[in-house]
Amino acid sequence: MVENINSSVLEDMIESNKVVIADFYATWCGPCKMMHPIFEECAADQTDINFVRLDVDENMEYAQKAAIQFVPTFIIYAGGKEVARKSGYIPKEEFELFVKLASQCK
């Protein structure tokens, strides 16, 4: 299940060493809207990875701290730090490989 969260919840998840895939998106972004069903579908197949979404317009300070320059940007956090990052529209097969990388971080 994908949760829409704010930056303080994300920081708590990162500090607790959970494996997280964060989707930094904007409501006005076309590629973000195209990625949303892919993100949801991949999340449904995973039980040990936390899939979360952060609206960059509502979490602007954290988006700047995380150096988000493009939306959507997907970041894998594991072991309390950023492990990998991808930006833009990602075909489903490629995004599944990104999720597989996250699952190896457990």
PDB file of N, CA and C in Angstrom:
ATOM      1  N   MET A   1       0.833  -1.185   0.000  1.00  0.00           N
ATOM      2  CA  MET A   1       0.000   0.000   0.000  1.00  0.00           C
ATOM      3  C   MET A   1       0.880   1.251   0.000  1.00  0.00           C
ATOM      4  N   VAL A   2       0.492   2.221  -0.779  1.00  0.00           N
ATOM      5  CA  VAL A   2       1.243   3.468  -0.880  1.00  0.00           C
ATOM      6  C   VAL A   2       0.600   4.500   0.033  1.00  0.00           C
ATOM      7  N   GLU A   3       1.447   5.167   0.815  1.00  0.00           N
ATOM      8  CA  GLU A   3       0.962   6.223   1.699  1.00  0.00           C
ATOM      9  C   GLU A   3       1.453   7.573   1.218  1.00  0.00           C
ATOM     10  N   ASN A   4       0.575   8.568   1.258  1.00  0.00           N
ATOM     11  CA  ASN A   4       0.994   9.954   1.069  1.00  0.00           C
ATOM     12  C   ASN A   4       1.413  10.460   2.436  1.00  0.00           C
ATOM     13  N   ILE A   5       2.665  10.906   2.554  1.00  0.00           N
ATOM     14  CA  ILE A   5       3.193  11.325   3.850  1.00  0.00           C
ATOM     15  C   ILE A   5       3.830  12.693   3.728  1.00  0.00           C
ATOM     16  N   ASN A   6       4.265  13.214   4.877  1.00  0.00           N
ATOM     17  CA  ASN A   6       5.018  14.466   4.869  1.00  0.00           C
ATOM     18  C   ASN A   6       6.478  14.161   5.216  1.00  0.00           C
ATOM     19  N   SER A   7       7.296  15.187   5.164  1.00  0.00           N
ATOM     20  CA  SER A   7       8.736  14.999   5.332  1.00  0.00           C
ATOM     21  C   SER A   7       9.117  14.480   6.717  1.00  0.00           C
ATOM     22  N   SER A   8       8.401  14.876   7.761  1.00  0.00           N
ATOM     23  CA  SER A   8       8.782  14.405   9.099  1.00  0.00           C
ATOM     24  C   SER A   8       8.532  12.899   9.236  1.00  0.00           C
ATOM     25  N   VAL A   9       7.462  12.398   8.626  1.00  0.00           N
ATOM     26  CA  VAL A   9       7.204  10.950   8.651  1.00  0.00           C
ATOM     27  C   VAL A   9       8.297  10.219   7.880  1.00  0.00           C
ATOM     28  N   LEU A  10       8.679  10.761   6.724  1.00  0.00           N
ATOM     29  CA  LEU A  10       9.760  10.145   5.952  1.00  0.00           C
ATOM     30  C   LEU A  10      11.052  10.116   6.751  1.00  0.00           C
ATOM     31  N   GLU A  11      11.397  11.212   7.386  1.00  0.00           N
ATOM     32  CA  GLU A  11      12.626  11.247   8.187  1.00  0.00           C
ATOM     33  C   GLU A  11      12.589  10.208   9.296  1.00  0.00           C
ATOM     34  N   ASP A  12      11.439  10.027   9.938  1.00  0.00           N
ATOM     35  CA  ASP A  12      11.304   8.997  10.978  1.00  0.00           C
ATOM     36  C   ASP A  12      11.513   7.607  10.400  1.00  0.00           C
ATOM     37  N   MET A  13      10.964   7.363   9.217  1.00  0.00           N
ATOM     38  CA  MET A  13      11.123   6.050   8.587  1.00  0.00           C
ATOM     39  C   MET A  13      12.591   5.797   8.241  1.00  0.00           C
ATOM     40  N   ILE A  14      13.265   6.810   7.708  1.00  0.00           N
ATOM     41  CA  ILE A  14      14.675   6.670   7.347  1.00  0.00           C
ATOM     42  C   ILE A  14      15.514   6.405   8.590  1.00  0.00           C
ATOM     43  N   GLU A  15      15.266   7.170   9.654  1.00  0.00           N
ATOM     44  CA  GLU A  15      16.031   7.010  10.898  1.00  0.00           C
ATOM     45  C   GLU A  15      15.808   5.654  11.543  1.00  0.00           C
ATOM     46  N   SER A  16      14.644   5.039  11.299  1.00  0.00           N
ATOM     47  CA  SER A  16      14.374   3.727  11.894  1.00  0.00           C
ATOM     48  C   SER A  16      14.904   2.591  11.020  1.00  0.00           C
ATOM     49  N   ASN A  17      15.699   2.963   9.997  1.00  0.00           N
ATOM     50  CA  ASN A  17      16.374   2.000   9.120  1.00  0.00           C
ATOM     51  C   ASN A  17      15.425   1.130   8.308  1.00  0.00           C
ATOM     52  N   LYS A  18      14.231   1.619   8.034  1.00  0.00           N
ATOM     53  CA  LYS A  18      13.315   0.888   7.168  1.00  0.00           C
ATOM     54  C   LYS A  18      13.758   1.055   5.720  1.00  0.00           C
ATOM     55  N   VAL A  19      13.413   0.077   4.892  1.00  0.00           N
ATOM     56  CA  VAL A  19      13.648   0.203   3.449  1.00  0.00           C
ATOM     57  C   VAL A  19      12.443   0.945   2.879  1.00  0.00           C
ATOM     58  N   VAL A  20      12.732   2.071   2.241  1.00  0.00           N
ATOM     59  CA  VAL A  20      11.681   2.961   1.750  1.00  0.00           C
ATOM     60  C   VAL A  20      11.961   3.315   0.297  1.00  0.00           C
ATOM     61  N   ILE A  21      10.909   3.299  -0.518  1.00  0.00           N
ATOM     62  CA  ILE A  21      10.984   3.907  -1.847  1.00  0.00           C
ATOM     63  C   ILE A  21      10.057   5.110  -1.796  1.00  0.00           C
ATOM     64  N   ALA A  22      10.647   6.284  -1.924  1.00  0.00           N
ATOM     65  CA  ALA A  22       9.889   7.523  -1.873  1.00  0.00           C
ATOM     66  C   ALA A  22       9.693   8.072  -3.279  1.00  0.00           C
ATOM     67  N   ASP A  23       8.462   8.437  -3.577  1.00  0.00           N
ATOM     68  CA  ASP A  23       8.090   9.053  -4.848  1.00  0.00           C
ATOM     69  C   ASP A  23       7.877  10.537  -4.578  1.00  0.00           C
ATOM     70  N   PHE A  24       8.800  11.354  -5.041  1.00  0.00           N
ATOM     71  CA  PHE A  24       8.657  12.803  -4.930  1.00  0.00           C
ATOM     72  C   PHE A  24       7.944  13.266  -6.199  1.00  0.00           C
ATOM     73  N   TYR A  25       6.731  13.789  -6.045  1.00  0.00           N
ATOM     74  CA  TYR A  25       5.885  14.100  -7.198  1.00  0.00           C
ATOM     75  C   TYR A  25       5.240  15.474  -7.029  1.00  0.00           C
ATOM     76  N   ALA A  26       4.558  15.897  -8.089  1.00  0.00           N
ATOM     77  CA  ALA A  26       3.748  17.117  -8.043  1.00  0.00           C
ATOM     78  C   ALA A  26       2.420  16.818  -8.722  1.00  0.00           C
ATOM     79  N   THR A  27       1.357  17.401  -8.206  1.00  0.00           N
ATOM     80  CA  THR A  27       0.024  17.127  -8.746  1.00  0.00           C
ATOM     81  C   THR A  27      -0.133  17.616 -10.179  1.00  0.00           C
ATOM     82  N   TRP A  28       0.638  18.605 -10.583  1.00  0.00           N
ATOM     83  CA  TRP A  28       0.546  19.192 -11.920  1.00  0.00           C
ATOM     84  C   TRP A  28       1.438  18.486 -12.946  1.00  0.00           C
ATOM     85  N   CYS A  29       2.181  17.481 -12.538  1.00  0.00           N
ATOM     86  CA  CYS A  29       3.212  16.842 -13.362  1.00  0.00           C
ATOM     87  C   CYS A  29       2.651  15.665 -14.167  1.00  0.00           C
ATOM     88  N   GLY A  30       2.712  15.766 -15.495  1.00  0.00           N
ATOM     89  CA  GLY A  30       2.239  14.695 -16.372  1.00  0.00           C
ATOM     90  C   GLY A  30       2.958  13.364 -16.174  1.00  0.00           C
ATOM     91  N   PRO A  31       4.311  13.343 -16.200  1.00  0.00           N
ATOM     92  CA  PRO A  31       5.016  12.081 -15.982  1.00  0.00           C
ATOM     93  C   PRO A  31       4.728  11.472 -14.598  1.00  0.00           C
ATOM     94  N   CYS A  32       4.473  12.330 -13.601  1.00  0.00           N
ATOM     95  CA  CYS A  32       4.123  11.822 -12.262  1.00  0.00           C
ATOM     96  C   CYS A  32       2.813  11.041 -12.328  1.00  0.00           C
ATOM     97  N   LYS A  33       1.848  11.596 -13.058  1.00  0.00           N
ATOM     98  CA  LYS A  33       0.553  10.935 -13.208  1.00  0.00           C
ATOM     99  C   LYS A  33       0.708   9.619 -13.967  1.00  0.00           C
ATOM    100  N   MET A  34       1.617   9.566 -14.930  1.00  0.00           N
ATOM    101  CA  MET A  34       1.853   8.341 -15.688  1.00  0.00           C
ATOM    102  C   MET A  34       2.536   7.277 -14.821  1.00  0.00           C
ATOM    103  N   MET A  35       3.384   7.707 -13.901  1.00  0.00           N
ATOM    104  CA  MET A  35       4.115   6.767 -13.044  1.00  0.00           C
ATOM    105  C   MET A  35       3.267   6.247 -11.886  1.00  0.00           C
ATOM    106  N   HIS A  36       2.248   6.989 -11.502  1.00  0.00           N
ATOM    107  CA  HIS A  36       1.461   6.620 -10.320  1.00  0.00           C
ATOM    108  C   HIS A  36       0.931   5.180 -10.375  1.00  0.00           C
ATOM    109  N   PRO A  37       0.278   4.730 -11.468  1.00  0.00           N
ATOM    110  CA  PRO A  37      -0.201   3.342 -11.468  1.00  0.00           C
ATOM    111  C   PRO A  37       0.922   2.310 -11.424  1.00  0.00           C
ATOM    112  N   ILE A  38       2.054   2.611 -12.028  1.00  0.00           N
ATOM    113  CA  ILE A  38       3.203   1.692 -11.976  1.00  0.00           C
ATOM    114  C   ILE A  38       3.714   1.586 -10.546  1.00  0.00           C
ATOM    115  N   PHE A  39       3.832   2.730  -9.876  1.00  0.00           N
ATOM    116  CA  PHE A  39       4.285   2.768  -8.480  1.00  0.00           C
ATOM    117  C   PHE A  39       3.323   1.965  -7.600  1.00  0.00           C
ATOM    118  N   GLU A  40       2.015   2.185  -7.781  1.00  0.00           N
ATOM    119  CA  GLU A  40       0.996   1.473  -6.994  1.00  0.00           C
ATOM    120  C   GLU A  40       1.057  -0.034  -7.245  1.00  0.00           C
ATOM    121  N   GLU A  41       1.208  -0.423  -8.499  1.00  0.00           N
ATOM    122  CA  GLU A  41       1.243  -1.844  -8.847  1.00  0.00           C
ATOM    123  C   GLU A  41       2.464  -2.531  -8.241  1.00  0.00           C
ATOM    124  N   CYS A  42       3.607  -1.877  -8.308  1.00  0.00           N
ATOM    125  CA  CYS A  42       4.826  -2.457  -7.714  1.00  0.00           C
ATOM    126  C   CYS A  42       4.704  -2.530  -6.195  1.00  0.00           C
ATOM    127  N   ALA A  43       4.061  -1.545  -5.602  1.00  0.00           N
ATOM    128  CA  ALA A  43       3.875  -1.534  -4.146  1.00  0.00           C
ATOM    129  C   ALA A  43       2.993  -2.692  -3.701  1.00  0.00           C
ATOM    130  N   ALA A  44       2.000  -3.025  -4.504  1.00  0.00           N
ATOM    131  CA  ALA A  44       1.068  -4.104  -4.147  1.00  0.00           C
ATOM    132  C   ALA A  44       1.770  -5.457  -4.071  1.00  0.00           C
ATOM    133  N   ASP A  45       2.877  -5.599  -4.800  1.00  0.00           N
ATOM    134  CA  ASP A  45       3.617  -6.865  -4.824  1.00  0.00           C
ATOM    135  C   ASP A  45       4.641  -6.984  -3.703  1.00  0.00           C
ATOM    136  N   GLN A  46       4.831  -5.943  -2.911  1.00  0.00           N
ATOM    137  CA  GLN A  46       5.879  -5.928  -1.884  1.00  0.00           C
ATOM    138  C   GLN A  46       5.277  -5.782  -0.489  1.00  0.00           C
ATOM    139  N   THR A  47       5.797  -6.548   0.458  1.00  0.00           N
ATOM    140  CA  THR A  47       5.323  -6.425   1.835  1.00  0.00           C
ATOM    141  C   THR A  47       6.402  -5.879   2.760  1.00  0.00           C
ATOM    142  N   ASP A  48       7.651  -5.951   2.349  1.00  0.00           N
ATOM    143  CA  ASP A  48       8.738  -5.560   3.249  1.00  0.00           C
ATOM    144  C   ASP A  48       9.430  -4.265   2.831  1.00  0.00           C
ATOM    145  N   ILE A  49       8.854  -3.572   1.855  1.00  0.00           N
ATOM    146  CA  ILE A  49       9.365  -2.267   1.441  1.00  0.00           C
ATOM    147  C   ILE A  49       8.246  -1.258   1.648  1.00  0.00           C
ATOM    148  N   ASN A  50       8.574  -0.117   2.215  1.00  0.00           N
ATOM    149  CA  ASN A  50       7.596   0.948   2.414  1.00  0.00           C
ATOM    150  C   ASN A  50       7.579   1.849   1.189  1.00  0.00           C
ATOM    151  N   PHE A  51       6.446   1.920   0.513  1.00  0.00           N
ATOM    152  CA  PHE A  51       6.262   2.796  -0.638  1.00  0.00           C
ATOM    153  C   PHE A  51       5.517   4.034  -0.163  1.00  0.00           C
ATOM    154  N   VAL A  52       6.136   5.195  -0.350  1.00  0.00           N
ATOM    155  CA  VAL A  52       5.519   6.444   0.115  1.00  0.00           C
ATOM    156  C   VAL A  52       5.603   7.499  -0.974  1.00  0.00           C
ATOM    157  N   ARG A  53       4.704   8.480  -0.898  1.00  0.00           N
ATOM    158  CA  ARG A  53       4.685   9.584  -1.859  1.00  0.00           C
ATOM    159  C   ARG A  53       4.739  10.896  -1.089  1.00  0.00           C
ATOM    160  N   LEU A  54       5.535  11.830  -1.595  1.00  0.00           N
ATOM    161  CA  LEU A  54       5.626  13.173  -1.019  1.00  0.00           C
ATOM    162  C   LEU A  54       5.397  14.198  -2.116  1.00  0.00           C
ATOM    163  N   ASP A  55       4.432  15.057  -1.901  1.00  0.00           N
ATOM    164  CA  ASP A  55       4.163  16.151  -2.824  1.00  0.00           C
ATOM    165  C   ASP A  55       5.238  17.216  -2.603  1.00  0.00           C
ATOM    166  N   VAL A  56       6.017  17.503  -3.643  1.00  0.00           N
ATOM    167  CA  VAL A  56       7.131  18.447  -3.491  1.00  0.00           C
ATOM    168  C   VAL A  56       6.642  19.863  -3.183  1.00  0.00           C
ATOM    169  N   ASP A  57       5.438  20.207  -3.652  1.00  0.00           N
ATOM    170  CA  ASP A  57       4.908  21.546  -3.366  1.00  0.00           C
ATOM    171  C   ASP A  57       4.514  21.696  -1.901  1.00  0.00           C
ATOM    172  N   GLU A  58       4.104  20.605  -1.274  1.00  0.00           N
ATOM    173  CA  GLU A  58       3.730  20.638   0.148  1.00  0.00           C
ATOM    174  C   GLU A  58       4.925  20.374   1.060  1.00  0.00           C
ATOM    175  N   ASN A  59       5.999  19.850   0.510  1.00  0.00           N
ATOM    176  CA  ASN A  59       7.208  19.514   1.289  1.00  0.00           C
ATOM    177  C   ASN A  59       8.429  20.134   0.633  1.00  0.00           C
ATOM    178  N   MET A  60       8.301  21.391   0.269  1.00  0.00           N
ATOM    179  CA  MET A  60       9.325  22.083  -0.512  1.00  0.00           C
ATOM    180  C   MET A  60      10.691  22.114   0.186  1.00  0.00           C
ATOM    181  N   GLU A  61      10.676  22.364   1.489  1.00  0.00           N
ATOM    182  CA  GLU A  61      11.945  22.446   2.223  1.00  0.00           C
ATOM    183  C   GLU A  61      12.694  21.104   2.176  1.00  0.00           C
ATOM    184  N   TYR A  62      11.966  20.008   2.386  1.00  0.00           N
ATOM    185  CA  TYR A  62      12.618  18.699   2.343  1.00  0.00           C
ATOM    186  C   TYR A  62      13.045  18.349   0.922  1.00  0.00           C
ATOM    187  N   ALA A  63      12.220  18.715  -0.073  1.00  0.00           N
ATOM    188  CA  ALA A  63      12.581  18.453  -1.465  1.00  0.00           C
ATOM    189  C   ALA A  63      13.892  19.151  -1.816  1.00  0.00           C
ATOM    190  N   GLN A  64      14.078  20.357  -1.307  1.00  0.00           N
ATOM    191  CA  GLN A  64      15.345  21.066  -1.534  1.00  0.00           C
ATOM    192  C   GLN A  64      16.481  20.361  -0.806  1.00  0.00           C
ATOM    193  N   LYS A  65      16.233  19.937   0.431  1.00  0.00           N
ATOM    194  CA  LYS A  65      17.253  19.226   1.217  1.00  0.00           C
ATOM    195  C   LYS A  65      17.673  17.925   0.517  1.00  0.00           C
ATOM    196  N   ALA A  66      16.699  17.254  -0.117  1.00  0.00           N
ATOM    197  CA  ALA A  66      16.975  15.992  -0.808  1.00  0.00           C
ATOM    198  C   ALA A  66      17.462  16.219  -2.237  1.00  0.00           C
ATOM    199  N   ALA A  67      17.654  17.482  -2.616  1.00  0.00           N
ATOM    200  CA  ALA A  67      18.148  17.851  -3.952  1.00  0.00           C
ATOM    201  C   ALA A  67      17.267  17.316  -5.071  1.00  0.00           C
ATOM    202  N   ILE A  68      15.963  17.431  -4.893  1.00  0.00           N
ATOM    203  CA  ILE A  68      15.018  17.026  -5.931  1.00  0.00           C
ATOM    204  C   ILE A  68      14.999  18.115  -6.992  1.00  0.00           C
ATOM    205  N   GLN A  69      15.454  17.788  -8.182  1.00  0.00           N
ATOM    206  CA  GLN A  69      15.504  18.757  -9.264  1.00  0.00           C
ATOM    207  C   GLN A  69      14.458  18.485 -10.327  1.00  0.00           C
ATOM    208  N   PHE A  70      13.974  17.241 -10.399  1.00  0.00           N
ATOM    209  CA  PHE A  70      12.987  16.840 -11.388  1.00  0.00           C
ATOM    210  C   PHE A  70      11.899  16.037 -10.689  1.00  0.00           C
ATOM    211  N   VAL A  71      10.687  16.094 -11.227  1.00  0.00           N
ATOM    212  CA  VAL A  71       9.629  15.221 -10.741  1.00  0.00           C
ATOM    213  C   VAL A  71       9.103  14.415 -11.916  1.00  0.00           C
ATOM    214  N   PRO A  72       8.782  13.156 -11.690  1.00  0.00           N
ATOM    215  CA  PRO A  72       8.956  12.466 -10.423  1.00  0.00           C
ATOM    216  C   PRO A  72      10.415  12.064 -10.190  1.00  0.00           C
ATOM    217  N   THR A  73      10.787  11.986  -8.931  1.00  0.00           N
ATOM    218  CA  THR A  73      12.068  11.418  -8.527  1.00  0.00           C
ATOM    219  C   THR A  73      11.767  10.327  -7.515  1.00  0.00           C
ATOM    220  N   PHE A  74      12.380   9.181  -7.708  1.00  0.00           N
ATOM    221  CA  PHE A  74      12.208   8.038  -6.817  1.00  0.00           C
ATOM    222  C   PHE A  74      13.524   7.791  -6.100  1.00  0.00           C
ATOM    223  N   ILE A  75      13.465   7.713  -4.781  1.00  0.00           N
ATOM    224  CA  ILE A  75      14.676   7.478  -3.991  1.00  0.00           C
ATOM    225  C   ILE A  75      14.466   6.243  -3.114  1.00  0.00           C
ATOM    226  N   ILE A  76      15.459   5.371  -3.122  1.00  0.00           N
ATOM    227  CA  ILE A  76      15.486   4.231  -2.201  1.00  0.00           C
ATOM    228  C   ILE A  76      16.313   4.644  -0.999  1.00  0.00           C
ATOM    229  N   TYR A  77      15.730   4.498   0.182  1.00  0.00           N
ATOM    230  CA  TYR A  77      16.441   4.717   1.430  1.00  0.00           C
ATOM    231  C   TYR A  77      16.557   3.372   2.144  1.00  0.00           C
ATOM    232  N   ALA A  78      17.739   3.063   2.635  1.00  0.00           N
ATOM    233  CA  ALA A  78      17.959   1.838   3.401  1.00  0.00           C
ATOM    234  C   ALA A  78      19.134   2.083   4.330  1.00  0.00           C
ATOM    235  N   GLY A  79      19.084   1.488   5.495  1.00  0.00           N
ATOM    236  CA  GLY A  79      20.174   1.652   6.455  1.00  0.00           C
ATOM    237  C   GLY A  79      20.369   3.103   6.872  1.00  0.00           C
ATOM    238  N   GLY A  80      19.299   3.875   6.820  1.00  0.00           N
ATOM    239  CA  GLY A  80      19.370   5.260   7.272  1.00  0.00           C
ATOM    240  C   GLY A  80      19.924   6.245   6.258  1.00  0.00           C
ATOM    241  N   LYS A  81      20.092   5.809   4.995  1.00  0.00           N
ATOM    242  CA  LYS A  81      20.654   6.735   4.002  1.00  0.00           C
ATOM    243  C   LYS A  81      20.094   6.445   2.613  1.00  0.00           C
ATOM    244  N   GLU A  82      20.334   7.375   1.696  1.00  0.00           N
ATOM    245  CA  GLU A  82      19.924   7.187   0.309  1.00  0.00           C
ATOM    246  C   GLU A  82      20.823   6.143  -0.344  1.00  0.00           C
ATOM    247  N   VAL A  83      20.195   5.199  -1.037  1.00  0.00           N
ATOM    248  CA  VAL A  83      20.924   4.121  -1.696  1.00  0.00           C
ATOM    249  C   VAL A  83      20.924   4.290  -3.217  1.00  0.00           C
ATOM    250  N   ALA A  84      19.800   4.734  -3.763  1.00  0.00           N
ATOM    251  CA  ALA A  84      19.679   4.880  -5.214  1.00  0.00           C
ATOM    252  C   ALA A  84      18.599   5.905  -5.526  1.00  0.00           C
ATOM    253  N   ARG A  85      18.674   6.438  -6.760  1.00  0.00           N
ATOM    254  CA  ARG A  85      17.744   7.483  -7.187  1.00  0.00           C
ATOM    255  C   ARG A  85      17.525   7.375  -8.690  1.00  0.00           C
ATOM    256  N   LYS A  86      16.278   7.604  -9.109  1.00  0.00           N
ATOM    257  CA  LYS A  86      15.923   7.691 -10.530  1.00  0.00           C
ATOM    258  C   LYS A  86      14.916   8.813 -10.682  1.00  0.00           C
ATOM    259  N   SER A  87      14.985   9.502 -11.813  1.00  0.00           N
ATOM    260  CA  SER A  87      14.054  10.604 -12.069  1.00  0.00           C
ATOM    261  C   SER A  87      13.372  10.428 -13.416  1.00  0.00           C
ATOM    262  N   GLY A  88      12.189  11.021 -13.516  1.00  0.00           N
ATOM    263  CA  GLY A  88      11.451  11.009 -14.766  1.00  0.00           C
ATOM    264  C   GLY A  88      10.580   9.784 -14.915  1.00  0.00           C
ATOM    265  N   TYR A  89       9.938   9.689 -16.081  1.00  0.00           N
ATOM    266  CA  TYR A  89       9.107   8.518 -16.370  1.00  0.00           C
ATOM    267  C   TYR A  89      10.027   7.312 -16.559  1.00  0.00           C
ATOM    268  N   ILE A  90       9.653   6.203 -15.928  1.00  0.00           N
ATOM    269  CA  ILE A  90      10.441   4.970 -16.003  1.00  0.00           C
ATOM    270  C   ILE A  90       9.499   3.857 -16.466  1.00  0.00           C
ATOM    271  N   PRO A  91       9.815   3.165 -17.563  1.00  0.00           N
ATOM    272  CA  PRO A  91       8.964   2.047 -17.988  1.00  0.00           C
ATOM    273  C   PRO A  91       8.838   1.013 -16.868  1.00  0.00           C
ATOM    274  N   LYS A  92       7.708   0.318 -16.845  1.00  0.00           N
ATOM    275  CA  LYS A  92       7.412  -0.605 -15.749  1.00  0.00           C
ATOM    276  C   LYS A  92       8.526  -1.628 -15.528  1.00  0.00           C
ATOM    277  N   GLU A  93       9.039  -2.219 -16.593  1.00  0.00           N
ATOM    278  CA  GLU A  93      10.076  -3.254 -16.448  1.00  0.00           C
ATOM    279  C   GLU A  93      11.320  -2.677 -15.769  1.00  0.00           C
ATOM    280  N   GLU A  94      11.688  -1.462 -16.143  1.00  0.00           N
ATOM    281  CA  GLU A  94      12.852  -0.812 -15.536  1.00  0.00           C
ATOM    282  C   GLU A  94      12.577  -0.448 -14.081  1.00  0.00           C
ATOM    283  N   PHE A  95      11.353   0.012 -13.804  1.00  0.00           N
ATOM    284  CA  PHE A  95      11.018   0.360 -12.424  1.00  0.00           C
ATOM    285  C   PHE A  95      11.005  -0.887 -11.536  1.00  0.00           C
ATOM    286  N   GLU A  96      10.575  -2.024 -12.089  1.00  0.00           N
ATOM    287  CA  GLU A  96      10.599  -3.273 -11.332  1.00  0.00           C
ATOM    288  C   GLU A  96      12.029  -3.645 -10.931  1.00  0.00           C
ATOM    289  N   LEU A  97      13.010  -3.363 -11.799  1.00  0.00           N
ATOM    290  CA  LEU A  97      14.414  -3.606 -11.453  1.00  0.00           C
ATOM    291  C   LEU A  97      14.860  -2.682 -10.318  1.00  0.00           C
ATOM    292  N   PHE A  98      14.363  -1.444 -10.341  1.00  0.00           N
ATOM    293  CA  PHE A  98      14.661  -0.498  -9.265  1.00  0.00           C
ATOM    294  C   PHE A  98      14.102  -1.013  -7.936  1.00  0.00           C
ATOM    295  N   VAL A  99      12.883  -1.546  -7.974  1.00  0.00           N
ATOM    296  CA  VAL A  99      12.264  -2.127  -6.759  1.00  0.00           C
ATOM    297  C   VAL A  99      13.060  -3.347  -6.300  1.00  0.00           C
ATOM    298  N   LYS A 100      13.535  -4.136  -7.253  1.00  0.00           N
ATOM    299  CA  LYS A 100      14.352  -5.310  -6.909  1.00  0.00           C
ATOM    300  C   LYS A 100      15.625  -4.889  -6.178  1.00  0.00           C
ATOM    301  N   LEU A 101      16.215  -3.791  -6.615  1.00  0.00           N
ATOM    302  CA  LEU A 101      17.393  -3.254  -5.920  1.00  0.00           C
ATOM    303  C   LEU A 101      17.044  -2.917  -4.477  1.00  0.00           C
ATOM    304  N   ALA A 102      15.881  -2.308  -4.275  1.00  0.00           N
ATOM    305  CA  ALA A 102      15.446  -1.981  -2.910  1.00  0.00           C
ATOM    306  C   ALA A 102      15.263  -3.233  -2.065  1.00  0.00           C
ATOM    307  N   SER A 103      14.723  -4.279  -2.667  1.00  0.00           N
ATOM    308  CA  SER A 103      14.481  -5.511  -1.901  1.00  0.00           C
ATOM    309  C   SER A 103      15.791  -6.174  -1.485  1.00  0.00           C
ATOM    310  N   GLN A 104      16.868  -5.900  -2.203  1.00  0.00           N
ATOM    311  CA  GLN A 104      18.180  -6.462  -1.847  1.00  0.00           C
ATOM    312  C   GLN A 104      18.817  -5.690  -0.695  1.00  0.00           C
ATOM    313  N   CYS A 105      18.242  -4.566  -0.327  1.00  0.00           N
ATOM    314  CA  CYS A 105      18.800  -3.725   0.738  1.00  0.00           C
ATOM    315  C   CYS A 105      18.309  -4.121   2.125  1.00  0.00           C
ATOM    316  N   LYS A 106      17.431  -5.105   2.202  1.00  0.00           N
ATOM    317  CA  LYS A 106      16.854  -5.500   3.504  1.00  0.00           C
ATOM    318  C   LYS A 106      17.883  -6.102   4.410  1.00  0.00           C
TER     319      LYS A 106
END
